[in-house]
Amino acid sequence: MSEYLKFAHELADASGKVIRKYFRSKMTVEDKADDSPVTVADRLTETIMREMISKKFPDHDILGEEHGYQPKGSKWKWVLDPIDGTRSFVAGMPIFGTLICLLEQEIPQIGMIDIPILQERWCGLRKKESIFYPNLPDGKPLACKVSNQQKIEQSILYSADPAMFNNAQKPYFDQIAAQAKLVRFGGDCYSYGLLASGHIDLVVEADLKNYDVLALVPVVESAGGLISDWNGNSSFDDEWDGCLVATASPELHKQALGLLKTS
């Protein structure tokens, strides 16, 4: 994994340079077919990362939000979300991130959450460690550990946007939000880094795609957290409905699922 991990950091470094160039600058914002926004920064960032992967590992598969799936028949697949939180990026809010994941036989082995404007980064290795790289003068990496909060009524809950829940999902989210100690919105992928580092306890979201999620799995799980759909399944394949819950303890996960299960 060491070679792949080093390369994932190189991808994050390269993507950050592009994104910082465009942040809070005048640019055209387009609407995709699903009404989500996209900018030249999204597309160029992914293009550069894909070119780096193809040069370094020409036989690896690549899946990205902006440029689709490039299959090569490999057991290795890179999954890229160049700007997770494009709405935040467009609005000048600095807590969006770049998501990079390496799958082996469809299982996430390396997950990276890079926050290019704050220059913070989380990296998770499956069943090994989750590390936070702070933007501090000494740059000392810190091991991540979730809070182990076990009670919803004492938990801090984050979600990217209340509008991400449809009419059928919203009552379930409202149930869990009503019990949480504190509810905040707008974190995008940054919320999952905060969860891994023990600052918050619970993330509940919906309307997600696999490139929004796969990089988060090693970061959260290797810090001691749990991540699944609202029914407790941890397979984010083509049958997945886009709902997600991530928690800081098994006890909290069980309580959350009890309030969120739709079937």
C-alpha atoms as a PDB file:
ATOM      1  CA  MET A   1       0.000   0.000   0.000  1.00  0.00           C
ATOM      2  CA  SER A   2       2.900   2.414   0.595  1.00  0.00           C
ATOM      3  CA  GLU A   3       3.361   3.179  -3.097  1.00  0.00           C
ATOM      4  CA  TYR A   4      -0.374   3.714  -3.597  1.00  0.00           C
ATOM      5  CA  LEU A   5      -0.634   5.852  -0.468  1.00  0.00           C
ATOM      6  CA  LYS A   6       2.246   8.079  -1.561  1.00  0.00           C
ATOM      7  CA  PHE A   7       0.598   8.481  -4.949  1.00  0.00           C
ATOM      8  CA  ALA A   8      -2.784   9.349  -3.372  1.00  0.00           C
ATOM      9  CA  HIS A   9      -1.052  12.202  -1.543  1.00  0.00           C
ATOM     10  CA  GLU A  10       0.451  13.327  -4.862  1.00  0.00           C
ATOM     11  CA  LEU A  11      -3.028  13.362  -6.413  1.00  0.00           C
ATOM     12  CA  ALA A  12      -4.355  15.453  -3.535  1.00  0.00           C
ATOM     13  CA  ASP A  13      -1.427  17.881  -3.788  1.00  0.00           C
ATOM     14  CA  ALA A  14      -1.995  18.330  -7.525  1.00  0.00           C
ATOM     15  CA  SER A  15      -5.757  18.767  -7.205  1.00  0.00           C
ATOM     16  CA  GLY A  16      -5.344  21.350  -4.464  1.00  0.00           C
ATOM     17  CA  LYS A  17      -3.117  23.522  -6.619  1.00  0.00           C
ATOM     18  CA  VAL A  18      -5.797  23.675  -9.321  1.00  0.00           C
ATOM     19  CA  ILE A  19      -8.671  24.326  -6.951  1.00  0.00           C
ATOM     20  CA  ARG A  20      -6.906  27.097  -5.027  1.00  0.00           C
ATOM     21  CA  LYS A  21      -6.289  28.877  -8.323  1.00  0.00           C
ATOM     22  CA  TYR A  22     -10.036  29.074  -9.034  1.00  0.00           C
ATOM     23  CA  PHE A  23     -11.427  29.544  -5.506  1.00  0.00           C
ATOM     24  CA  ARG A  24     -13.385  32.805  -5.101  1.00  0.00           C
ATOM     25  CA  SER A  25     -12.692  33.780  -8.694  1.00  0.00           C
ATOM     26  CA  LYS A  26     -15.197  34.671 -11.386  1.00  0.00           C
ATOM     27  CA  MET A  27     -16.202  31.605 -13.362  1.00  0.00           C
ATOM     28  CA  THR A  28     -19.175  30.142 -15.173  1.00  0.00           C
ATOM     29  CA  VAL A  29     -21.313  27.765 -13.141  1.00  0.00           C
ATOM     30  CA  GLU A  30     -23.246  25.208 -15.183  1.00  0.00           C
ATOM     31  CA  ASP A  31     -26.127  22.990 -14.109  1.00  0.00           C
ATOM     32  CA  LYS A  32     -25.825  19.271 -14.804  1.00  0.00           C
ATOM     33  CA  ALA A  33     -28.759  17.035 -15.695  1.00  0.00           C
ATOM     34  CA  ASP A  34     -29.508  16.427 -11.997  1.00  0.00           C
ATOM     35  CA  ASP A  35     -29.456  20.217 -11.343  1.00  0.00           C
ATOM     36  CA  SER A  36     -26.193  19.998  -9.392  1.00  0.00           C
ATOM     37  CA  PRO A  37     -23.624  22.689 -10.254  1.00  0.00           C
ATOM     38  CA  VAL A  38     -20.305  22.097 -12.019  1.00  0.00           C
ATOM     39  CA  THR A  39     -17.425  24.441 -12.838  1.00  0.00           C
ATOM     40  CA  VAL A  40     -14.253  24.398 -14.894  1.00  0.00           C
ATOM     41  CA  ALA A  41     -12.397  23.719 -11.634  1.00  0.00           C
ATOM     42  CA  ASP A  42     -14.327  20.453 -11.084  1.00  0.00           C
ATOM     43  CA  ARG A  43     -13.609  19.210 -14.591  1.00  0.00           C
ATOM     44  CA  LEU A  44      -9.993  20.329 -14.829  1.00  0.00           C
ATOM     45  CA  THR A  45      -9.127  18.926 -11.402  1.00  0.00           C
ATOM     46  CA  GLU A  46     -10.494  15.513 -12.300  1.00  0.00           C
ATOM     47  CA  THR A  47      -8.801  15.584 -15.706  1.00  0.00           C
ATOM     48  CA  ILE A  48      -5.416  16.209 -14.119  1.00  0.00           C
ATOM     49  CA  MET A  49      -5.861  13.429 -11.565  1.00  0.00           C
ATOM     50  CA  ARG A  50      -6.999  10.981 -14.252  1.00  0.00           C
ATOM     51  CA  GLU A  51      -3.978  11.827 -16.393  1.00  0.00           C
ATOM     52  CA  MET A  52      -1.670  11.229 -13.425  1.00  0.00           C
ATOM     53  CA  ILE A  53      -3.272   7.848 -12.713  1.00  0.00           C
ATOM     54  CA  SER A  54      -3.165   6.754 -16.353  1.00  0.00           C
ATOM     55  CA  LYS A  55       0.522   7.639 -16.545  1.00  0.00           C
ATOM     56  CA  LYS A  56       1.502   5.981 -13.258  1.00  0.00           C
ATOM     57  CA  PHE A  57      -0.861   2.989 -13.327  1.00  0.00           C
ATOM     58  CA  PRO A  58      -2.107   2.600 -16.920  1.00  0.00           C
ATOM     59  CA  ASP A  59      -3.892  -0.686 -16.190  1.00  0.00           C
ATOM     60  CA  HIS A  60      -6.002   0.654 -13.286  1.00  0.00           C
ATOM     61  CA  ASP A  61      -9.705   1.438 -13.589  1.00  0.00           C
ATOM     62  CA  ILE A  62     -10.843   5.016 -12.942  1.00  0.00           C
ATOM     63  CA  LEU A  63     -14.273   6.287 -11.889  1.00  0.00           C
ATOM     64  CA  GLY A  64     -14.875  10.005 -11.499  1.00  0.00           C
ATOM     65  CA  GLU A  65     -17.886  12.232 -10.956  1.00  0.00           C
ATOM     66  CA  GLU A  66     -17.224  14.482 -13.945  1.00  0.00           C
ATOM     67  CA  HIS A  67     -15.768  12.149 -16.589  1.00  0.00           C
ATOM     68  CA  GLY A  68     -17.361   8.799 -15.824  1.00  0.00           C
ATOM     69  CA  TYR A  69     -15.967   5.276 -15.727  1.00  0.00           C
ATOM     70  CA  GLN A  70     -12.847   4.130 -17.522  1.00  0.00           C
ATOM     71  CA  PRO A  71     -12.654   0.334 -17.109  1.00  0.00           C
ATOM     72  CA  LYS A  72      -9.454  -1.571 -17.787  1.00  0.00           C
ATOM     73  CA  GLY A  73     -10.433  -4.882 -16.223  1.00  0.00           C
ATOM     74  CA  SER A  74      -8.183  -4.316 -13.201  1.00  0.00           C
ATOM     75  CA  LYS A  75      -8.810  -5.337  -9.601  1.00  0.00           C
ATOM     76  CA  TRP A  76      -7.684  -1.800  -8.713  1.00  0.00           C
ATOM     77  CA  LYS A  77     -10.045   1.145  -9.172  1.00  0.00           C
ATOM     78  CA  TRP A  78      -9.477   4.806  -8.361  1.00  0.00           C
ATOM     79  CA  VAL A  79     -12.649   6.703  -7.442  1.00  0.00           C
ATOM     80  CA  LEU A  80     -12.483  10.498  -7.647  1.00  0.00           C
ATOM     81  CA  ASP A  81     -14.713  13.366  -6.616  1.00  0.00           C
ATOM     82  CA  PRO A  82     -12.709  16.462  -7.549  1.00  0.00           C
ATOM     83  CA  ILE A  83     -14.864  18.905  -5.577  1.00  0.00           C
ATOM     84  CA  ASP A  84     -17.210  17.340  -3.069  1.00  0.00           C
ATOM     85  CA  GLY A  85     -19.361  20.318  -2.140  1.00  0.00           C
ATOM     86  CA  THR A  86     -19.375  22.340  -5.355  1.00  0.00           C
ATOM     87  CA  ARG A  87     -22.138  24.538  -3.944  1.00  0.00           C
ATOM     88  CA  SER A  88     -19.831  25.502  -1.075  1.00  0.00           C
ATOM     89  CA  PHE A  89     -16.982  26.087  -3.543  1.00  0.00           C
ATOM     90  CA  VAL A  90     -19.171  28.355  -5.685  1.00  0.00           C
ATOM     91  CA  ALA A  91     -20.339  30.271  -2.601  1.00  0.00           C
ATOM     92  CA  GLY A  92     -16.792  30.846  -1.357  1.00  0.00           C
ATOM     93  CA  MET A  93     -17.168  28.544   1.654  1.00  0.00           C
ATOM     94  CA  PRO A  94     -13.810  26.775   2.253  1.00  0.00           C
ATOM     95  CA  ILE A  95     -14.973  23.463   3.753  1.00  0.00           C
ATOM     96  CA  PHE A  96     -15.505  21.524   0.503  1.00  0.00           C
ATOM     97  CA  GLY A  97     -12.988  18.812  -0.347  1.00  0.00           C
ATOM     98  CA  THR A  98     -11.457  16.453  -2.872  1.00  0.00           C
ATOM     99  CA  LEU A  99     -12.210  12.760  -2.352  1.00  0.00           C
ATOM    100  CA  ILE A 100      -9.773  10.091  -3.518  1.00  0.00           C
ATOM    101  CA  CYS A 101     -10.289   6.375  -3.001  1.00  0.00           C
ATOM    102  CA  LEU A 102      -8.460   3.250  -4.127  1.00  0.00           C
ATOM    103  CA  LEU A 103     -10.532   0.080  -4.295  1.00  0.00           C
ATOM    104  CA  GLU A 104      -9.200  -3.464  -4.504  1.00  0.00           C
ATOM    105  CA  GLN A 105     -11.850  -5.870  -5.797  1.00  0.00           C
ATOM    106  CA  GLU A 106     -14.452  -3.141  -5.016  1.00  0.00           C
ATOM    107  CA  ILE A 107     -13.327  -2.828  -1.368  1.00  0.00           C
ATOM    108  CA  PRO A 108     -11.995   0.602  -0.277  1.00  0.00           C
ATOM    109  CA  GLN A 109      -8.361   0.256   0.796  1.00  0.00           C
ATOM    110  CA  ILE A 110      -7.269   3.898   0.858  1.00  0.00           C
ATOM    111  CA  GLY A 111      -9.548   6.870   1.444  1.00  0.00           C
ATOM    112  CA  MET A 112      -8.499  10.506   1.390  1.00  0.00           C
ATOM    113  CA  ILE A 113     -10.408  13.681   2.265  1.00  0.00           C
ATOM    114  CA  ASP A 114      -8.390  16.708   1.191  1.00  0.00           C
ATOM    115  CA  ILE A 115      -9.596  20.186   2.167  1.00  0.00           C
ATOM    116  CA  PRO A 116      -7.568  22.305  -0.250  1.00  0.00           C
ATOM    117  CA  ILE A 117      -8.355  25.800   1.019  1.00  0.00           C
ATOM    118  CA  LEU A 118      -7.826  25.020   4.701  1.00  0.00           C
ATOM    119  CA  GLN A 119      -4.955  22.701   3.651  1.00  0.00           C
ATOM    120  CA  GLU A 120      -6.114  19.953   6.004  1.00  0.00           C
ATOM    121  CA  ARG A 121      -6.236  16.300   5.040  1.00  0.00           C
ATOM    122  CA  TRP A 122      -7.527  13.007   6.403  1.00  0.00           C
ATOM    123  CA  CYS A 123      -6.255   9.672   5.132  1.00  0.00           C
ATOM    124  CA  GLY A 124      -7.585   6.249   6.107  1.00  0.00           C
ATOM    125  CA  LEU A 125      -6.050   2.836   5.457  1.00  0.00           C
ATOM    126  CA  ARG A 126      -8.429  -0.104   5.702  1.00  0.00           C
ATOM    127  CA  LYS A 127      -8.114  -1.927   9.037  1.00  0.00           C
ATOM    128  CA  LYS A 128      -4.944   0.023   9.855  1.00  0.00           C
ATOM    129  CA  GLU A 129      -5.049   3.711  10.698  1.00  0.00           C
ATOM    130  CA  SER A 130      -6.750   7.001  10.058  1.00  0.00           C
ATOM    131  CA  ILE A 131      -4.470  10.048  10.083  1.00  0.00           C
ATOM    132  CA  PHE A 132      -5.199  13.776  10.147  1.00  0.00           C
ATOM    133  CA  TYR A 133      -2.699  16.171   8.587  1.00  0.00           C
ATOM    134  CA  PRO A 134      -3.318  19.612  10.125  1.00  0.00           C
ATOM    135  CA  ASN A 135      -2.330  22.950   8.624  1.00  0.00           C
ATOM    136  CA  LEU A 136       0.085  23.812  11.409  1.00  0.00           C
ATOM    137  CA  PRO A 137       3.701  25.026  11.377  1.00  0.00           C
ATOM    138  CA  ASP A 138       5.081  21.690  12.593  1.00  0.00           C
ATOM    139  CA  GLY A 139       2.792  19.728  10.241  1.00  0.00           C
ATOM    140  CA  LYS A 140       2.765  16.784  12.637  1.00  0.00           C
ATOM    141  CA  PRO A 141       0.261  14.073  11.587  1.00  0.00           C
ATOM    142  CA  LEU A 142      -2.256  13.073  14.227  1.00  0.00           C
ATOM    143  CA  ALA A 143      -3.876   9.677  14.714  1.00  0.00           C
ATOM    144  CA  CYS A 144      -7.668   9.884  14.461  1.00  0.00           C
ATOM    145  CA  LYS A 145     -10.027   8.444  17.029  1.00  0.00           C
ATOM    146  CA  VAL A 146     -13.796   8.897  17.105  1.00  0.00           C
ATOM    147  CA  SER A 147     -15.477  10.308  20.214  1.00  0.00           C
ATOM    148  CA  ASN A 148     -17.132   6.995  21.143  1.00  0.00           C
ATOM    149  CA  GLN A 149     -20.265   8.938  22.038  1.00  0.00           C
ATOM    150  CA  GLN A 150     -22.975   6.381  22.808  1.00  0.00           C
ATOM    151  CA  LYS A 151     -26.120   8.460  23.280  1.00  0.00           C
ATOM    152  CA  ILE A 152     -28.028  10.341  20.599  1.00  0.00           C
ATOM    153  CA  GLU A 153     -29.239  12.899  23.125  1.00  0.00           C
ATOM    154  CA  GLN A 154     -25.603  13.858  23.793  1.00  0.00           C
ATOM    155  CA  SER A 155     -24.475  13.753  20.162  1.00  0.00           C
ATOM    156  CA  ILE A 156     -23.505  16.456  17.665  1.00  0.00           C
ATOM    157  CA  LEU A 157     -25.203  15.734  14.339  1.00  0.00           C
ATOM    158  CA  TYR A 158     -24.133  17.093  10.965  1.00  0.00           C
ATOM    159  CA  SER A 159     -25.720  16.944   7.523  1.00  0.00           C
ATOM    160  CA  ALA A 160     -24.738  18.764   4.339  1.00  0.00           C
ATOM    161  CA  ASP A 161     -28.159  20.183   3.477  1.00  0.00           C
ATOM    162  CA  PRO A 162     -31.740  19.662   4.741  1.00  0.00           C
ATOM    163  CA  ALA A 163     -32.862  19.803   1.111  1.00  0.00           C
ATOM    164  CA  MET A 164     -30.983  16.567   0.335  1.00  0.00           C
ATOM    165  CA  PHE A 165     -33.813  14.551   1.910  1.00  0.00           C
ATOM    166  CA  ASN A 166     -36.912  13.808  -0.164  1.00  0.00           C
ATOM    167  CA  ASN A 167     -40.422  13.894   1.271  1.00  0.00           C
ATOM    168  CA  ALA A 168     -40.263  10.252   2.323  1.00  0.00           C
ATOM    169  CA  GLN A 169     -36.833  10.570   3.966  1.00  0.00           C
ATOM    170  CA  LYS A 170     -37.273  13.898   5.759  1.00  0.00           C
ATOM    171  CA  PRO A 171     -39.483  12.601   8.617  1.00  0.00           C
ATOM    172  CA  TYR A 172     -36.816   9.987   9.477  1.00  0.00           C
ATOM    173  CA  PHE A 173     -34.096  12.616   9.571  1.00  0.00           C
ATOM    174  CA  ASP A 174     -36.321  14.895  11.651  1.00  0.00           C
ATOM    175  CA  GLN A 175     -36.809  12.081  14.165  1.00  0.00           C
ATOM    176  CA  ILE A 176     -33.101  11.709  14.767  1.00  0.00           C
ATOM    177  CA  ALA A 177     -32.428  15.467  14.650  1.00  0.00           C
ATOM    178  CA  ALA A 178     -35.065  16.041  17.341  1.00  0.00           C
ATOM    179  CA  GLN A 179     -33.119  13.816  19.732  1.00  0.00           C
ATOM    180  CA  ALA A 180     -29.593  15.088  19.006  1.00  0.00           C
ATOM    181  CA  LYS A 181     -27.960  17.617  21.344  1.00  0.00           C
ATOM    182  CA  LEU A 182     -26.801  19.848  18.492  1.00  0.00           C
ATOM    183  CA  VAL A 183     -27.628  19.845  14.760  1.00  0.00           C
ATOM    184  CA  ARG A 184     -25.611  21.692  12.130  1.00  0.00           C
ATOM    185  CA  PHE A 185     -25.706  21.795   8.321  1.00  0.00           C
ATOM    186  CA  GLY A 186     -23.233  22.509   5.546  1.00  0.00           C
ATOM    187  CA  GLY A 187     -20.245  20.302   6.293  1.00  0.00           C
ATOM    188  CA  ASP A 188     -20.009  18.324   3.017  1.00  0.00           C
ATOM    189  CA  CYS A 189     -17.150  15.798   3.295  1.00  0.00           C
ATOM    190  CA  TYR A 190     -15.526  17.889   6.043  1.00  0.00           C
ATOM    191  CA  SER A 191     -18.090  16.471   8.477  1.00  0.00           C
ATOM    192  CA  TYR A 192     -16.664  12.976   8.102  1.00  0.00           C
ATOM    193  CA  GLY A 193     -13.179  14.186   8.909  1.00  0.00           C
ATOM    194  CA  LEU A 194     -14.543  15.899  12.015  1.00  0.00           C
ATOM    195  CA  LEU A 195     -16.262  12.637  12.964  1.00  0.00           C
ATOM    196  CA  ALA A 196     -13.039  10.649  12.512  1.00  0.00           C
ATOM    197  CA  SER A 197     -11.153  13.162  14.674  1.00  0.00           C
ATOM    198  CA  GLY A 198     -13.709  12.987  17.490  1.00  0.00           C
ATOM    199  CA  HIS A 199     -15.147  16.492  17.175  1.00  0.00           C
ATOM    200  CA  ILE A 200     -18.671  15.419  16.151  1.00  0.00           C
ATOM    201  CA  ASP A 201     -20.544  12.177  16.686  1.00  0.00           C
ATOM    202  CA  LEU A 202     -23.058  11.563  13.908  1.00  0.00           C
ATOM    203  CA  VAL A 203     -23.587  12.317  10.212  1.00  0.00           C
ATOM    204  CA  VAL A 204     -26.883  11.558   8.432  1.00  0.00           C
ATOM    205  CA  GLU A 205     -27.296  12.216   4.715  1.00  0.00           C
ATOM    206  CA  ALA A 206     -29.146  11.159   1.556  1.00  0.00           C
ATOM    207  CA  ASP A 207     -29.079  11.654  -2.214  1.00  0.00           C
ATOM    208  CA  LEU A 208     -25.417  10.594  -2.414  1.00  0.00           C
ATOM    209  CA  LYS A 209     -23.464   8.774  -5.130  1.00  0.00           C
ATOM    210  CA  ASN A 210     -20.729   6.195  -4.647  1.00  0.00           C
ATOM    211  CA  TYR A 211     -17.979   8.691  -5.489  1.00  0.00           C
ATOM    212  CA  ASP A 212     -19.322  10.832  -2.596  1.00  0.00           C
ATOM    213  CA  VAL A 213     -18.876   7.999  -0.117  1.00  0.00           C
ATOM    214  CA  LEU A 214     -16.184   5.428  -0.905  1.00  0.00           C
ATOM    215  CA  ALA A 215     -13.242   7.596   0.192  1.00  0.00           C
ATOM    216  CA  LEU A 216     -14.987   8.253   3.515  1.00  0.00           C
ATOM    217  CA  VAL A 217     -15.200   4.585   4.483  1.00  0.00           C
ATOM    218  CA  PRO A 218     -11.528   3.928   5.421  1.00  0.00           C
ATOM    219  CA  VAL A 219     -11.242   7.334   7.110  1.00  0.00           C
ATOM    220  CA  VAL A 220     -14.229   6.729   9.395  1.00  0.00           C
ATOM    221  CA  GLU A 221     -13.835   3.000  10.014  1.00  0.00           C
ATOM    222  CA  SER A 222     -10.091   3.099  10.708  1.00  0.00           C
ATOM    223  CA  ALA A 223     -10.756   5.795  13.321  1.00  0.00           C
ATOM    224  CA  GLY A 224     -13.177   3.437  15.086  1.00  0.00           C
ATOM    225  CA  GLY A 225     -16.418   4.717  13.566  1.00  0.00           C
ATOM    226  CA  LEU A 226     -19.175   2.988  11.628  1.00  0.00           C
ATOM    227  CA  ILE A 227     -20.664   3.915   8.253  1.00  0.00           C
ATOM    228  CA  SER A 228     -23.608   2.305   6.453  1.00  0.00           C
ATOM    229  CA  ASP A 229     -26.878   2.990   4.694  1.00  0.00           C
ATOM    230  CA  TRP A 230     -30.005   3.619   6.773  1.00  0.00           C
ATOM    231  CA  ASN A 231     -30.704  -0.117   6.943  1.00  0.00           C
ATOM    232  CA  GLY A 232     -27.248  -1.016   8.222  1.00  0.00           C
ATOM    233  CA  ASN A 233     -25.795  -2.260   4.940  1.00  0.00           C
ATOM    234  CA  SER A 234     -22.231  -1.225   4.142  1.00  0.00           C
ATOM    235  CA  SER A 235     -22.201  -2.059   0.438  1.00  0.00           C
ATOM    236  CA  PHE A 236     -22.417   1.107  -1.649  1.00  0.00           C
ATOM    237  CA  ASP A 237     -23.027  -0.582  -5.003  1.00  0.00           C
ATOM    238  CA  ASP A 238     -25.491   0.119  -7.820  1.00  0.00           C
ATOM    239  CA  GLU A 239     -28.385  -1.070  -5.628  1.00  0.00           C
ATOM    240  CA  TRP A 240     -27.618   1.461  -2.886  1.00  0.00           C
ATOM    241  CA  ASP A 241     -30.297   4.111  -2.386  1.00  0.00           C
ATOM    242  CA  GLY A 242     -27.909   6.998  -1.579  1.00  0.00           C
ATOM    243  CA  CYS A 243     -28.716   7.204   2.145  1.00  0.00           C
ATOM    244  CA  LEU A 244     -25.851   7.246   4.647  1.00  0.00           C
ATOM    245  CA  VAL A 245     -25.301   7.300   8.392  1.00  0.00           C
ATOM    246  CA  ALA A 246     -21.904   7.499  10.071  1.00  0.00           C
ATOM    247  CA  THR A 247     -21.459   7.285  13.831  1.00  0.00           C
ATOM    248  CA  ALA A 248     -18.862   7.312  16.585  1.00  0.00           C
ATOM    249  CA  SER A 249     -19.819   4.029  18.291  1.00  0.00           C
ATOM    250  CA  PRO A 250     -21.740   0.777  17.737  1.00  0.00           C
ATOM    251  CA  GLU A 251     -24.267   1.832  20.366  1.00  0.00           C
ATOM    252  CA  LEU A 252     -24.937   5.148  18.662  1.00  0.00           C
ATOM    253  CA  HIS A 253     -25.154   3.455  15.284  1.00  0.00           C
ATOM    254  CA  LYS A 254     -27.774   1.041  16.580  1.00  0.00           C
ATOM    255  CA  GLN A 255     -29.852   3.894  18.011  1.00  0.00           C
ATOM    256  CA  ALA A 256     -29.587   5.877  14.787  1.00  0.00           C
ATOM    257  CA  LEU A 257     -30.607   2.934  12.634  1.00  0.00           C
ATOM    258  CA  GLY A 258     -33.612   2.347  14.856  1.00  0.00           C
ATOM    259  CA  LEU A 259     -34.836   5.833  13.980  1.00  0.00           C
ATOM    260  CA  LEU A 260     -33.800   5.796  10.319  1.00  0.00           C
ATOM    261  CA  LYS A 261     -34.764   2.355   9.020  1.00  0.00           C
ATOM    262  CA  THR A 262     -37.207   2.700   6.151  1.00  0.00           C
ATOM    263  CA  SER A 263     -37.715  -1.019   5.502  1.00  0.00           C
END
